[in-house]
Amino acid sequence: MHGEDNGRDKETGGRVTRRSFLSQIGAAGVAVTAAPLAARAQINGTPAQASTGAAERIENAMPITLSVNGKTVRLEVDPRTTLLDGLRETLSLTGTKKGCDHGQCGACTVHVNGRRINSCLTLAIMHEGDAITTIEGLGEPGNLHPMQASFVEHDGYQCGYCTSGQIMSAVALLKEPCGPSDADVKELMSGNICRCGAYPNIVAAIQQVRQRA
């Protein structure tokens, strides 16, 4: 077996071997992709610790101010940071899930100024001054939003990964034009995928809240 030292093969006159070259490229790729894009945050003036542990200032970071779940949040983020990553990695609001990261599954649904969006498809810096609501701001144990309580009552989930996005879309649906039938509800909820197939229970939960309202 050839001996290697810092990526150079002793038996090949110090030349970089294919194996050592690929190893170095792989390590560099991990280092780049692991680097957080969102660095600093303050919530109501108090510094918040990012879930990634990032504390250093990021080059070319841009300051933005948001209202997140009723609290004023000031962030310094890389311009490429999505709203989803800003919420999860910087503010530790991990109830908003990263599913497909391509806007196809709806797991990352949040409300921006009262309207539902896929947070993986928009940059955080595009929302200066906007009011953001995540699943954490909708309700809490002992004081659930009626939609959350209805999902529990009707078993509108299985693995639970899509549930926060389903609920955020369902709450937004209550304020949107929607016909009375189950088919109407299914159409407006079609952007939220449940890989477990709990759709009948999800529709039943939504219809119950609509009828009570």
N, C-alpha and C. Protein backbone atom coordinates (compact mmCIF):
# COMPACT_ATOMS: atom_id res chain seq x y z
N MET A 1 0.86 -1.19 0.00
CA MET A 1 0.00 0.00 0.00
C MET A 1 0.89 1.23 0.00
N HIS A 2 0.55 2.21 -0.80
CA HIS A 2 1.35 3.42 -0.88
C HIS A 2 1.16 4.26 0.38
N GLY A 3 2.26 4.82 0.89
CA GLY A 3 2.15 5.72 2.03
C GLY A 3 1.85 7.12 1.54
N GLU A 4 1.03 7.87 2.30
CA GLU A 4 0.65 9.22 1.92
C GLU A 4 0.95 10.18 3.05
N ASP A 5 1.32 11.41 2.69
CA ASP A 5 1.64 12.42 3.68
C ASP A 5 1.11 13.75 3.18
N ASN A 6 0.03 14.26 3.86
CA ASN A 6 -0.59 15.54 3.48
C ASN A 6 -0.99 15.55 2.01
N GLY A 7 -1.53 14.45 1.53
CA GLY A 7 -2.05 14.41 0.17
C GLY A 7 -1.00 14.13 -0.88
N ARG A 8 0.28 13.93 -0.50
CA ARG A 8 1.32 13.67 -1.49
C ARG A 8 1.88 12.27 -1.27
N ASP A 9 2.02 11.53 -2.34
CA ASP A 9 2.46 10.14 -2.29
C ASP A 9 3.99 10.10 -2.30
N LYS A 10 4.58 9.50 -1.25
CA LYS A 10 6.04 9.46 -1.14
C LYS A 10 6.67 8.66 -2.27
N GLU A 11 5.95 7.61 -2.76
CA GLU A 11 6.54 6.75 -3.76
C GLU A 11 6.33 7.28 -5.18
N THR A 12 5.66 8.41 -5.32
CA THR A 12 5.45 9.00 -6.66
C THR A 12 6.15 10.34 -6.76
N GLY A 13 7.17 10.52 -5.92
CA GLY A 13 7.97 11.73 -6.01
C GLY A 13 7.26 12.98 -5.54
N GLY A 14 6.30 12.84 -4.62
CA GLY A 14 5.62 14.01 -4.09
C GLY A 14 4.43 14.46 -4.93
N ARG A 15 4.12 13.70 -6.00
CA ARG A 15 2.98 14.09 -6.81
C ARG A 15 1.68 13.81 -6.07
N VAL A 16 0.65 14.60 -6.38
CA VAL A 16 -0.68 14.37 -5.79
C VAL A 16 -1.32 13.18 -6.49
N THR A 17 -1.74 12.20 -5.73
CA THR A 17 -2.38 11.02 -6.32
C THR A 17 -3.87 11.27 -6.50
N ARG A 18 -4.49 10.44 -7.32
CA ARG A 18 -5.93 10.56 -7.55
C ARG A 18 -6.70 10.39 -6.24
N ARG A 19 -6.25 9.43 -5.45
CA ARG A 19 -6.94 9.15 -4.19
C ARG A 19 -6.86 10.33 -3.23
N SER A 20 -5.63 10.89 -3.08
CA SER A 20 -5.47 12.00 -2.14
C SER A 20 -6.19 13.24 -2.64
N PHE A 21 -6.19 13.44 -3.99
CA PHE A 21 -6.88 14.60 -4.55
C PHE A 21 -8.37 14.54 -4.26
N LEU A 22 -8.99 13.37 -4.49
CA LEU A 22 -10.41 13.23 -4.25
C LEU A 22 -10.75 13.38 -2.77
N SER A 23 -9.84 12.89 -1.91
CA SER A 23 -10.07 13.03 -0.47
C SER A 23 -10.09 14.49 -0.05
N GLN A 24 -9.15 15.27 -0.60
CA GLN A 24 -9.09 16.69 -0.25
C GLN A 24 -10.30 17.44 -0.78
N ILE A 25 -10.73 17.11 -2.01
CA ILE A 25 -11.90 17.76 -2.58
C ILE A 25 -13.14 17.46 -1.75
N GLY A 26 -13.26 16.19 -1.32
CA GLY A 26 -14.41 15.81 -0.51
C GLY A 26 -14.45 16.55 0.81
N ALA A 27 -13.28 16.67 1.46
CA ALA A 27 -13.22 17.38 2.74
C ALA A 27 -13.56 18.85 2.56
N ALA A 28 -13.08 19.44 1.48
CA ALA A 28 -13.37 20.85 1.23
C ALA A 28 -14.86 21.06 0.98
N GLY A 29 -15.48 20.11 0.27
CA GLY A 29 -16.90 20.22 -0.01
C GLY A 29 -17.73 20.17 1.26
N VAL A 30 -17.37 19.27 2.17
CA VAL A 30 -18.07 19.18 3.44
C VAL A 30 -17.94 20.48 4.22
N ALA A 31 -16.74 21.05 4.23
CA ALA A 31 -16.52 22.29 4.97
C ALA A 31 -17.36 23.42 4.42
N VAL A 32 -17.50 23.48 3.10
CA VAL A 32 -18.28 24.56 2.48
C VAL A 32 -19.75 24.38 2.76
N THR A 33 -20.27 23.17 2.55
CA THR A 33 -21.70 22.97 2.71
C THR A 33 -22.13 23.00 4.16
N ALA A 34 -21.22 22.72 5.08
CA ALA A 34 -21.59 22.72 6.49
C ALA A 34 -21.62 24.12 7.07
N ALA A 35 -21.01 25.09 6.40
CA ALA A 35 -20.95 26.44 6.93
C ALA A 35 -22.34 27.07 6.96
N PRO A 36 -22.79 27.60 8.10
CA PRO A 36 -24.12 28.20 8.17
C PRO A 36 -24.16 29.49 7.37
N LEU A 37 -25.33 29.77 6.77
CA LEU A 37 -25.50 31.00 6.01
C LEU A 37 -26.11 32.11 6.86
N ALA A 38 -26.66 31.78 7.99
CA ALA A 38 -27.24 32.79 8.86
C ALA A 38 -26.45 32.84 10.15
N ALA A 39 -26.05 34.05 10.57
CA ALA A 39 -25.09 34.10 11.65
C ALA A 39 -25.64 34.64 12.97
N ARG A 40 -26.26 35.81 12.95
CA ARG A 40 -26.59 36.46 14.21
C ARG A 40 -28.06 36.84 14.27
N ALA A 41 -28.59 36.86 15.49
CA ALA A 41 -29.98 37.25 15.67
C ALA A 41 -30.18 37.89 17.03
N GLN A 42 -31.13 38.81 17.07
CA GLN A 42 -31.61 39.39 18.32
C GLN A 42 -33.13 39.30 18.33
N ILE A 43 -33.70 38.88 19.46
CA ILE A 43 -35.13 38.80 19.61
C ILE A 43 -35.54 39.78 20.71
N ASN A 44 -36.34 40.78 20.32
CA ASN A 44 -36.72 41.84 21.25
C ASN A 44 -35.49 42.42 21.94
N GLY A 45 -34.41 42.57 21.18
CA GLY A 45 -33.19 43.20 21.69
C GLY A 45 -32.24 42.28 22.41
N THR A 46 -32.63 41.00 22.64
CA THR A 46 -31.79 40.04 23.34
C THR A 46 -31.11 39.11 22.35
N PRO A 47 -29.78 38.96 22.39
CA PRO A 47 -29.10 38.07 21.44
C PRO A 47 -29.64 36.66 21.54
N ALA A 48 -29.87 36.04 20.38
CA ALA A 48 -30.35 34.66 20.32
C ALA A 48 -29.24 33.77 19.80
N GLN A 49 -29.11 32.59 20.38
CA GLN A 49 -28.08 31.65 19.95
C GLN A 49 -28.59 30.82 18.79
N ALA A 50 -27.87 30.83 17.69
CA ALA A 50 -28.26 30.03 16.54
C ALA A 50 -28.15 28.56 16.87
N SER A 51 -29.04 27.74 16.27
CA SER A 51 -29.01 26.31 16.54
C SER A 51 -27.74 25.67 16.01
N THR A 52 -27.09 26.32 15.03
CA THR A 52 -25.85 25.78 14.48
C THR A 52 -24.66 26.13 15.35
N GLY A 53 -24.85 27.02 16.33
CA GLY A 53 -23.75 27.48 17.15
C GLY A 53 -22.95 28.58 16.47
N ALA A 54 -23.45 29.12 15.35
CA ALA A 54 -22.72 30.16 14.64
C ALA A 54 -22.76 31.46 15.42
N ALA A 55 -21.61 32.05 15.67
CA ALA A 55 -21.55 33.31 16.38
C ALA A 55 -20.70 34.32 15.63
N GLU A 56 -19.88 33.84 14.70
CA GLU A 56 -18.97 34.73 14.00
C GLU A 56 -19.73 35.55 12.96
N ARG A 57 -19.17 36.69 12.64
CA ARG A 57 -19.77 37.55 11.64
C ARG A 57 -19.49 36.99 10.26
N ILE A 58 -20.51 36.92 9.43
CA ILE A 58 -20.36 36.37 8.09
C ILE A 58 -20.06 37.51 7.12
N GLU A 59 -19.12 37.25 6.23
CA GLU A 59 -18.75 38.25 5.24
C GLU A 59 -19.95 38.59 4.36
N ASN A 60 -20.14 39.90 4.13
CA ASN A 60 -21.23 40.41 3.30
C ASN A 60 -22.61 40.17 3.90
N ALA A 61 -22.68 39.89 5.21
CA ALA A 61 -23.97 39.70 5.86
C ALA A 61 -24.80 40.96 5.78
N MET A 62 -26.11 40.78 5.66
CA MET A 62 -27.03 41.91 5.54
C MET A 62 -27.97 41.93 6.74
N PRO A 63 -28.20 43.09 7.34
CA PRO A 63 -29.12 43.18 8.47
C PRO A 63 -30.57 43.26 7.99
N ILE A 64 -31.45 42.55 8.66
CA ILE A 64 -32.88 42.65 8.38
C ILE A 64 -33.64 42.62 9.70
N THR A 65 -34.83 43.20 9.70
CA THR A 65 -35.70 43.20 10.87
C THR A 65 -37.04 42.60 10.49
N LEU A 66 -37.47 41.62 11.26
CA LEU A 66 -38.73 40.94 11.02
C LEU A 66 -39.56 40.95 12.29
N SER A 67 -40.84 40.69 12.15
CA SER A 67 -41.68 40.37 13.29
C SER A 67 -42.01 38.89 13.19
N VAL A 68 -41.48 38.10 14.12
CA VAL A 68 -41.67 36.65 14.07
C VAL A 68 -42.48 36.22 15.30
N ASN A 69 -43.67 35.72 15.04
CA ASN A 69 -44.57 35.29 16.12
C ASN A 69 -44.78 36.41 17.14
N GLY A 70 -44.89 37.64 16.63
CA GLY A 70 -45.19 38.78 17.48
C GLY A 70 -43.99 39.41 18.15
N LYS A 71 -42.78 38.89 17.89
CA LYS A 71 -41.57 39.44 18.50
C LYS A 71 -40.70 40.08 17.43
N THR A 72 -40.10 41.22 17.76
CA THR A 72 -39.21 41.89 16.83
C THR A 72 -37.88 41.15 16.79
N VAL A 73 -37.48 40.76 15.60
CA VAL A 73 -36.26 39.97 15.41
C VAL A 73 -35.34 40.71 14.45
N ARG A 74 -34.09 40.89 14.86
CA ARG A 74 -33.07 41.50 14.01
C ARG A 74 -32.03 40.44 13.67
N LEU A 75 -31.81 40.25 12.38
CA LEU A 75 -30.90 39.23 11.91
C LEU A 75 -29.78 39.83 11.08
N GLU A 76 -28.65 39.16 11.09
CA GLU A 76 -27.59 39.42 10.12
C GLU A 76 -27.41 38.12 9.35
N VAL A 77 -27.74 38.15 8.07
CA VAL A 77 -27.75 36.91 7.30
C VAL A 77 -26.97 37.05 6.00
N ASP A 78 -26.44 35.94 5.56
CA ASP A 78 -25.89 35.86 4.21
C ASP A 78 -27.04 36.12 3.24
N PRO A 79 -26.83 36.90 2.19
CA PRO A 79 -27.92 37.21 1.25
C PRO A 79 -28.58 35.98 0.65
N ARG A 80 -27.88 34.83 0.66
CA ARG A 80 -28.44 33.61 0.07
C ARG A 80 -29.32 32.83 1.03
N THR A 81 -29.44 33.26 2.28
CA THR A 81 -30.20 32.52 3.27
C THR A 81 -31.68 32.54 2.96
N THR A 82 -32.29 31.37 2.88
CA THR A 82 -33.73 31.32 2.69
C THR A 82 -34.44 31.68 4.00
N LEU A 83 -35.70 32.06 3.88
CA LEU A 83 -36.48 32.32 5.09
C LEU A 83 -36.55 31.06 5.94
N LEU A 84 -36.68 29.91 5.31
CA LEU A 84 -36.72 28.64 6.04
C LEU A 84 -35.47 28.44 6.88
N ASP A 85 -34.30 28.61 6.28
CA ASP A 85 -33.05 28.41 7.02
C ASP A 85 -32.86 29.47 8.09
N GLY A 86 -33.30 30.69 7.81
CA GLY A 86 -33.20 31.73 8.83
C GLY A 86 -34.02 31.39 10.06
N LEU A 87 -35.22 30.85 9.84
CA LEU A 87 -36.09 30.47 10.96
C LEU A 87 -35.51 29.28 11.73
N ARG A 88 -35.06 28.27 11.00
CA ARG A 88 -34.60 27.04 11.64
C ARG A 88 -33.22 27.18 12.24
N GLU A 89 -32.26 27.68 11.45
CA GLU A 89 -30.86 27.65 11.85
C GLU A 89 -30.45 28.82 12.72
N THR A 90 -31.11 29.96 12.56
CA THR A 90 -30.72 31.14 13.34
C THR A 90 -31.63 31.37 14.53
N LEU A 91 -32.94 31.17 14.34
CA LEU A 91 -33.90 31.42 15.42
C LEU A 91 -34.32 30.15 16.15
N SER A 92 -33.83 28.99 15.67
CA SER A 92 -34.14 27.70 16.30
C SER A 92 -35.63 27.40 16.34
N LEU A 93 -36.37 27.91 15.36
CA LEU A 93 -37.80 27.61 15.24
C LEU A 93 -37.93 26.41 14.30
N THR A 94 -37.67 25.24 14.85
CA THR A 94 -37.55 24.03 14.04
C THR A 94 -38.89 23.34 13.79
N GLY A 95 -39.99 23.94 14.25
CA GLY A 95 -41.30 23.37 13.92
C GLY A 95 -41.58 23.46 12.45
N THR A 96 -41.03 24.47 11.78
CA THR A 96 -41.14 24.58 10.33
C THR A 96 -40.15 23.61 9.72
N LYS A 97 -40.64 22.64 8.96
CA LYS A 97 -39.80 21.54 8.50
C LYS A 97 -39.22 21.79 7.10
N LYS A 98 -38.03 21.26 6.89
CA LYS A 98 -37.41 21.25 5.57
C LYS A 98 -37.65 19.88 4.97
N GLY A 99 -38.53 19.83 3.97
CA GLY A 99 -38.87 18.57 3.32
C GLY A 99 -38.11 18.43 2.02
N CYS A 100 -38.74 18.87 0.92
CA CYS A 100 -38.10 18.73 -0.39
C CYS A 100 -37.12 19.87 -0.66
N ASP A 101 -37.30 21.02 -0.02
CA ASP A 101 -36.47 22.21 -0.23
C ASP A 101 -36.60 22.74 -1.66
N HIS A 102 -37.69 22.37 -2.34
CA HIS A 102 -37.94 22.83 -3.70
C HIS A 102 -39.37 23.34 -3.88
N GLY A 103 -40.08 23.59 -2.79
CA GLY A 103 -41.42 24.13 -2.88
C GLY A 103 -42.47 23.15 -3.39
N GLN A 104 -42.22 21.86 -3.26
CA GLN A 104 -43.14 20.86 -3.80
C GLN A 104 -43.93 20.11 -2.74
N CYS A 105 -43.51 20.16 -1.47
CA CYS A 105 -44.18 19.33 -0.47
C CYS A 105 -44.99 20.12 0.55
N GLY A 106 -44.68 21.39 0.76
CA GLY A 106 -45.45 22.22 1.68
C GLY A 106 -45.08 22.09 3.14
N ALA A 107 -44.09 21.27 3.47
CA ALA A 107 -43.73 21.07 4.88
C ALA A 107 -43.20 22.36 5.53
N CYS A 108 -42.71 23.28 4.71
CA CYS A 108 -42.10 24.50 5.25
C CYS A 108 -43.07 25.68 5.27
N THR A 109 -44.37 25.44 5.13
CA THR A 109 -45.35 26.52 5.04
C THR A 109 -45.37 27.39 6.29
N VAL A 110 -45.28 28.69 6.09
CA VAL A 110 -45.45 29.68 7.16
C VAL A 110 -46.38 30.76 6.63
N HIS A 111 -46.78 31.67 7.51
CA HIS A 111 -47.60 32.81 7.09
C HIS A 111 -46.72 34.06 7.04
N VAL A 112 -46.84 34.80 5.97
CA VAL A 112 -46.18 36.09 5.84
C VAL A 112 -47.27 37.14 5.63
N ASN A 113 -47.38 38.04 6.60
CA ASN A 113 -48.43 39.05 6.56
C ASN A 113 -49.81 38.41 6.36
N GLY A 114 -50.00 37.26 7.01
CA GLY A 114 -51.30 36.59 6.99
C GLY A 114 -51.53 35.64 5.84
N ARG A 115 -50.60 35.55 4.89
CA ARG A 115 -50.77 34.67 3.75
C ARG A 115 -49.75 33.54 3.80
N ARG A 116 -50.16 32.36 3.38
CA ARG A 116 -49.25 31.20 3.44
C ARG A 116 -48.28 31.22 2.27
N ILE A 117 -47.04 30.84 2.57
CA ILE A 117 -46.02 30.71 1.54
C ILE A 117 -45.14 29.51 1.88
N ASN A 118 -44.40 29.03 0.87
CA ASN A 118 -43.35 28.04 1.10
C ASN A 118 -42.08 28.79 1.45
N SER A 119 -41.64 28.66 2.68
CA SER A 119 -40.49 29.45 3.15
C SER A 119 -39.17 29.02 2.54
N CYS A 120 -39.14 27.84 1.89
CA CYS A 120 -37.90 27.40 1.24
C CYS A 120 -37.67 28.10 -0.09
N LEU A 121 -38.69 28.78 -0.62
CA LEU A 121 -38.59 29.39 -1.95
C LEU A 121 -38.35 30.89 -1.91
N THR A 122 -38.16 31.44 -0.74
CA THR A 122 -37.99 32.88 -0.64
C THR A 122 -36.79 33.20 0.24
N LEU A 123 -36.10 34.28 -0.08
CA LEU A 123 -34.93 34.68 0.70
C LEU A 123 -35.35 35.50 1.91
N ALA A 124 -34.63 35.32 3.00
CA ALA A 124 -34.96 36.05 4.22
C ALA A 124 -34.90 37.56 4.00
N ILE A 125 -33.93 38.03 3.21
CA ILE A 125 -33.76 39.48 3.03
C ILE A 125 -34.91 40.11 2.26
N MET A 126 -35.76 39.30 1.64
CA MET A 126 -36.91 39.83 0.92
C MET A 126 -38.05 40.22 1.84
N HIS A 127 -37.91 39.92 3.13
CA HIS A 127 -39.04 40.09 4.05
C HIS A 127 -38.78 41.14 5.13
N GLU A 128 -37.97 42.11 4.81
CA GLU A 128 -37.72 43.23 5.73
C GLU A 128 -39.06 43.83 6.17
N GLY A 129 -39.27 43.87 7.50
CA GLY A 129 -40.47 44.47 8.07
C GLY A 129 -41.71 43.61 8.03
N ASP A 130 -41.64 42.42 7.46
CA ASP A 130 -42.82 41.56 7.35
C ASP A 130 -43.14 40.87 8.67
N ALA A 131 -44.41 40.49 8.81
CA ALA A 131 -44.86 39.72 9.97
C ALA A 131 -44.89 38.25 9.61
N ILE A 132 -44.06 37.45 10.27
CA ILE A 132 -43.95 36.02 10.01
C ILE A 132 -44.60 35.24 11.15
N THR A 133 -45.43 34.27 10.80
CA THR A 133 -46.00 33.38 11.82
C THR A 133 -45.61 31.95 11.48
N THR A 134 -45.03 31.26 12.45
CA THR A 134 -44.69 29.85 12.30
C THR A 134 -45.61 29.02 13.18
N ILE A 135 -45.48 27.72 13.12
CA ILE A 135 -46.32 26.84 13.92
C ILE A 135 -46.15 27.13 15.41
N GLU A 136 -44.96 27.59 15.81
CA GLU A 136 -44.72 27.90 17.23
C GLU A 136 -45.56 29.09 17.69
N GLY A 137 -45.93 29.97 16.75
CA GLY A 137 -46.72 31.14 17.11
C GLY A 137 -48.21 30.94 16.98
N LEU A 138 -48.62 29.74 16.57
CA LEU A 138 -50.05 29.47 16.34
C LEU A 138 -50.75 29.05 17.63
N GLY A 139 -50.10 28.22 18.40
CA GLY A 139 -50.66 27.73 19.66
C GLY A 139 -49.58 27.02 20.45
N GLU A 140 -49.93 26.59 21.63
CA GLU A 140 -48.96 25.91 22.49
C GLU A 140 -49.70 24.91 23.36
N PRO A 141 -49.00 23.95 23.95
CA PRO A 141 -49.67 22.96 24.80
C PRO A 141 -50.52 23.64 25.87
N GLY A 142 -51.76 23.21 25.97
CA GLY A 142 -52.69 23.82 26.92
C GLY A 142 -53.46 24.98 26.33
N ASN A 143 -53.03 25.48 25.19
CA ASN A 143 -53.73 26.58 24.53
C ASN A 143 -53.58 26.43 23.01
N LEU A 144 -54.07 25.30 22.50
CA LEU A 144 -53.93 24.98 21.09
C LEU A 144 -54.85 25.85 20.23
N HIS A 145 -54.38 26.15 19.04
CA HIS A 145 -55.26 26.75 18.04
C HIS A 145 -56.35 25.73 17.72
N PRO A 146 -57.58 26.17 17.41
CA PRO A 146 -58.64 25.20 17.09
C PRO A 146 -58.26 24.21 16.00
N MET A 147 -57.45 24.64 15.04
CA MET A 147 -57.04 23.71 13.98
C MET A 147 -56.09 22.66 14.53
N GLN A 148 -55.20 23.05 15.40
CA GLN A 148 -54.31 22.07 16.02
C GLN A 148 -55.10 21.05 16.83
N ALA A 149 -56.07 21.54 17.60
CA ALA A 149 -56.90 20.65 18.41
C ALA A 149 -57.70 19.69 17.54
N SER A 150 -58.18 20.19 16.41
CA SER A 150 -58.96 19.35 15.52
C SER A 150 -58.09 18.28 14.86
N PHE A 151 -56.85 18.62 14.51
CA PHE A 151 -55.93 17.63 13.95
C PHE A 151 -55.69 16.51 14.98
N VAL A 152 -55.55 16.88 16.24
CA VAL A 152 -55.36 15.87 17.29
C VAL A 152 -56.61 14.99 17.40
N GLU A 153 -57.77 15.63 17.40
CA GLU A 153 -59.03 14.89 17.56
C GLU A 153 -59.27 13.91 16.42
N HIS A 154 -58.90 14.30 15.22
CA HIS A 154 -59.17 13.47 14.05
C HIS A 154 -57.96 12.64 13.60
N ASP A 155 -56.89 12.63 14.38
CA ASP A 155 -55.67 11.90 13.99
C ASP A 155 -55.23 12.32 12.59
N GLY A 156 -55.09 13.63 12.40
CA GLY A 156 -54.73 14.15 11.10
C GLY A 156 -53.23 14.10 10.83
N TYR A 157 -52.59 13.07 11.28
CA TYR A 157 -51.13 12.92 11.11
C TYR A 157 -50.75 11.48 11.39
N GLN A 158 -49.59 11.10 10.91
CA GLN A 158 -49.02 9.80 11.28
C GLN A 158 -47.58 10.02 11.72
N CYS A 159 -46.65 10.15 10.76
CA CYS A 159 -45.26 10.39 11.19
C CYS A 159 -45.11 11.80 11.75
N GLY A 160 -45.97 12.72 11.31
CA GLY A 160 -45.96 14.08 11.86
C GLY A 160 -45.06 15.06 11.16
N TYR A 161 -44.25 14.59 10.19
CA TYR A 161 -43.28 15.50 9.58
C TYR A 161 -43.96 16.61 8.78
N CYS A 162 -45.04 16.30 8.11
CA CYS A 162 -45.73 17.30 7.30
C CYS A 162 -46.74 18.11 8.10
N THR A 163 -46.98 17.72 9.35
CA THR A 163 -48.13 18.23 10.09
C THR A 163 -48.10 19.74 10.29
N SER A 164 -46.94 20.30 10.63
CA SER A 164 -46.90 21.74 10.87
C SER A 164 -47.26 22.50 9.60
N GLY A 165 -46.75 22.05 8.45
CA GLY A 165 -47.09 22.70 7.19
C GLY A 165 -48.55 22.52 6.84
N GLN A 166 -49.09 21.32 7.10
CA GLN A 166 -50.52 21.08 6.85
C GLN A 166 -51.38 22.03 7.69
N ILE A 167 -51.03 22.17 8.95
CA ILE A 167 -51.83 23.01 9.83
C ILE A 167 -51.73 24.48 9.43
N MET A 168 -50.52 24.94 9.08
CA MET A 168 -50.37 26.33 8.66
C MET A 168 -51.18 26.62 7.40
N SER A 169 -51.19 25.69 6.45
CA SER A 169 -52.00 25.86 5.25
C SER A 169 -53.49 25.81 5.58
N ALA A 170 -53.87 24.91 6.48
CA ALA A 170 -55.28 24.78 6.85
C ALA A 170 -55.80 26.05 7.52
N VAL A 171 -54.99 26.65 8.38
CA VAL A 171 -55.41 27.89 9.04
C VAL A 171 -55.56 29.02 8.03
N ALA A 172 -54.62 29.08 7.07
CA ALA A 172 -54.72 30.09 6.02
C ALA A 172 -55.96 29.87 5.17
N LEU A 173 -56.29 28.62 4.91
CA LEU A 173 -57.47 28.28 4.11
C LEU A 173 -58.75 28.87 4.71
N LEU A 174 -58.81 28.98 6.03
CA LEU A 174 -60.01 29.51 6.69
C LEU A 174 -60.35 30.93 6.23
N LYS A 175 -59.33 31.66 5.75
CA LYS A 175 -59.54 33.05 5.32
C LYS A 175 -59.55 33.19 3.80
N GLU A 176 -59.46 32.06 3.10
CA GLU A 176 -59.42 32.08 1.64
C GLU A 176 -60.75 31.62 1.06
N PRO A 177 -61.08 32.06 -0.16
CA PRO A 177 -62.30 31.56 -0.81
C PRO A 177 -62.21 30.06 -1.03
N CYS A 178 -63.13 29.33 -0.45
CA CYS A 178 -63.12 27.88 -0.55
C CYS A 178 -64.55 27.38 -0.50
N GLY A 179 -64.90 26.52 -1.44
CA GLY A 179 -66.23 25.94 -1.45
C GLY A 179 -66.47 25.04 -0.25
N PRO A 180 -67.70 24.57 -0.08
CA PRO A 180 -68.05 23.82 1.13
C PRO A 180 -67.68 22.34 1.12
N SER A 181 -67.38 21.78 -0.04
CA SER A 181 -67.21 20.33 -0.13
C SER A 181 -65.80 19.88 0.26
N ASP A 182 -65.68 18.58 0.52
CA ASP A 182 -64.36 18.00 0.79
C ASP A 182 -63.43 18.18 -0.41
N ALA A 183 -63.99 18.07 -1.61
CA ALA A 183 -63.19 18.24 -2.82
C ALA A 183 -62.61 19.65 -2.90
N ASP A 184 -63.37 20.65 -2.44
CA ASP A 184 -62.87 22.02 -2.44
C ASP A 184 -61.69 22.15 -1.48
N VAL A 185 -61.81 21.53 -0.33
CA VAL A 185 -60.72 21.57 0.66
C VAL A 185 -59.49 20.88 0.11
N LYS A 186 -59.69 19.73 -0.51
CA LYS A 186 -58.56 18.98 -1.08
C LYS A 186 -57.82 19.82 -2.13
N GLU A 187 -58.57 20.55 -2.93
CA GLU A 187 -57.96 21.38 -3.96
C GLU A 187 -57.08 22.46 -3.34
N LEU A 188 -57.57 23.14 -2.31
CA LEU A 188 -56.79 24.21 -1.68
C LEU A 188 -55.65 23.68 -0.83
N MET A 189 -55.70 22.41 -0.47
CA MET A 189 -54.63 21.80 0.32
C MET A 189 -53.69 20.97 -0.54
N SER A 190 -53.84 21.04 -1.86
CA SER A 190 -53.08 20.16 -2.75
C SER A 190 -51.58 20.45 -2.75
N GLY A 191 -51.18 21.60 -2.27
CA GLY A 191 -49.75 21.92 -2.21
C GLY A 191 -49.05 21.31 -1.01
N ASN A 192 -49.79 20.64 -0.15
CA ASN A 192 -49.21 20.01 1.04
C ASN A 192 -49.32 18.50 0.92
N ILE A 193 -48.16 17.85 0.86
CA ILE A 193 -48.12 16.41 0.65
C ILE A 193 -47.97 15.68 1.98
N CYS A 194 -48.78 14.64 2.16
CA CYS A 194 -48.64 13.74 3.31
C CYS A 194 -48.21 12.38 2.78
N ARG A 195 -46.96 12.02 3.02
CA ARG A 195 -46.46 10.75 2.49
C ARG A 195 -47.07 9.55 3.21
N CYS A 196 -47.65 9.78 4.38
CA CYS A 196 -48.31 8.70 5.10
C CYS A 196 -49.74 8.47 4.61
N GLY A 197 -50.30 9.42 3.86
CA GLY A 197 -51.63 9.26 3.30
C GLY A 197 -52.76 9.52 4.28
N ALA A 198 -52.57 10.48 5.20
CA ALA A 198 -53.61 10.78 6.19
C ALA A 198 -54.62 11.81 5.68
N TYR A 199 -54.78 11.90 4.38
CA TYR A 199 -55.62 12.95 3.79
C TYR A 199 -57.08 12.95 4.28
N PRO A 200 -57.76 11.79 4.37
CA PRO A 200 -59.15 11.84 4.85
C PRO A 200 -59.28 12.46 6.24
N ASN A 201 -58.35 12.14 7.12
CA ASN A 201 -58.39 12.69 8.48
C ASN A 201 -58.07 14.18 8.48
N ILE A 202 -57.14 14.58 7.62
CA ILE A 202 -56.79 16.00 7.52
C ILE A 202 -57.98 16.80 7.04
N VAL A 203 -58.67 16.31 6.01
CA VAL A 203 -59.85 17.00 5.49
C VAL A 203 -60.95 17.06 6.56
N ALA A 204 -61.14 15.96 7.29
CA ALA A 204 -62.15 15.94 8.35
C ALA A 204 -61.84 16.97 9.43
N ALA A 205 -60.56 17.10 9.78
CA ALA A 205 -60.16 18.08 10.80
C ALA A 205 -60.44 19.50 10.32
N ILE A 206 -60.13 19.78 9.07
CA ILE A 206 -60.36 21.12 8.53
C ILE A 206 -61.85 21.42 8.46
N GLN A 207 -62.62 20.48 7.98
CA GLN A 207 -64.06 20.70 7.83
C GLN A 207 -64.73 20.93 9.19
N GLN A 208 -64.26 20.25 10.22
CA GLN A 208 -64.84 20.47 11.54
C GLN A 208 -64.62 21.91 12.01
N VAL A 209 -63.42 22.42 11.82
CA VAL A 209 -63.13 23.80 12.22
C VAL A 209 -63.96 24.78 11.39
N ARG A 210 -64.09 24.52 10.10
CA ARG A 210 -64.89 25.39 9.24
C ARG A 210 -66.35 25.42 9.69
N GLN A 211 -66.88 24.28 10.03
CA GLN A 211 -68.29 24.21 10.45
C GLN A 211 -68.51 24.91 11.79
N ARG A 212 -67.58 24.76 12.70
CA ARG A 212 -67.71 25.42 14.01
C ARG A 212 -67.55 26.92 13.92
N ALA A 213 -66.76 27.35 12.91
CA ALA A 213 -66.54 28.79 12.74
C ALA A 213 -67.78 29.47 12.17
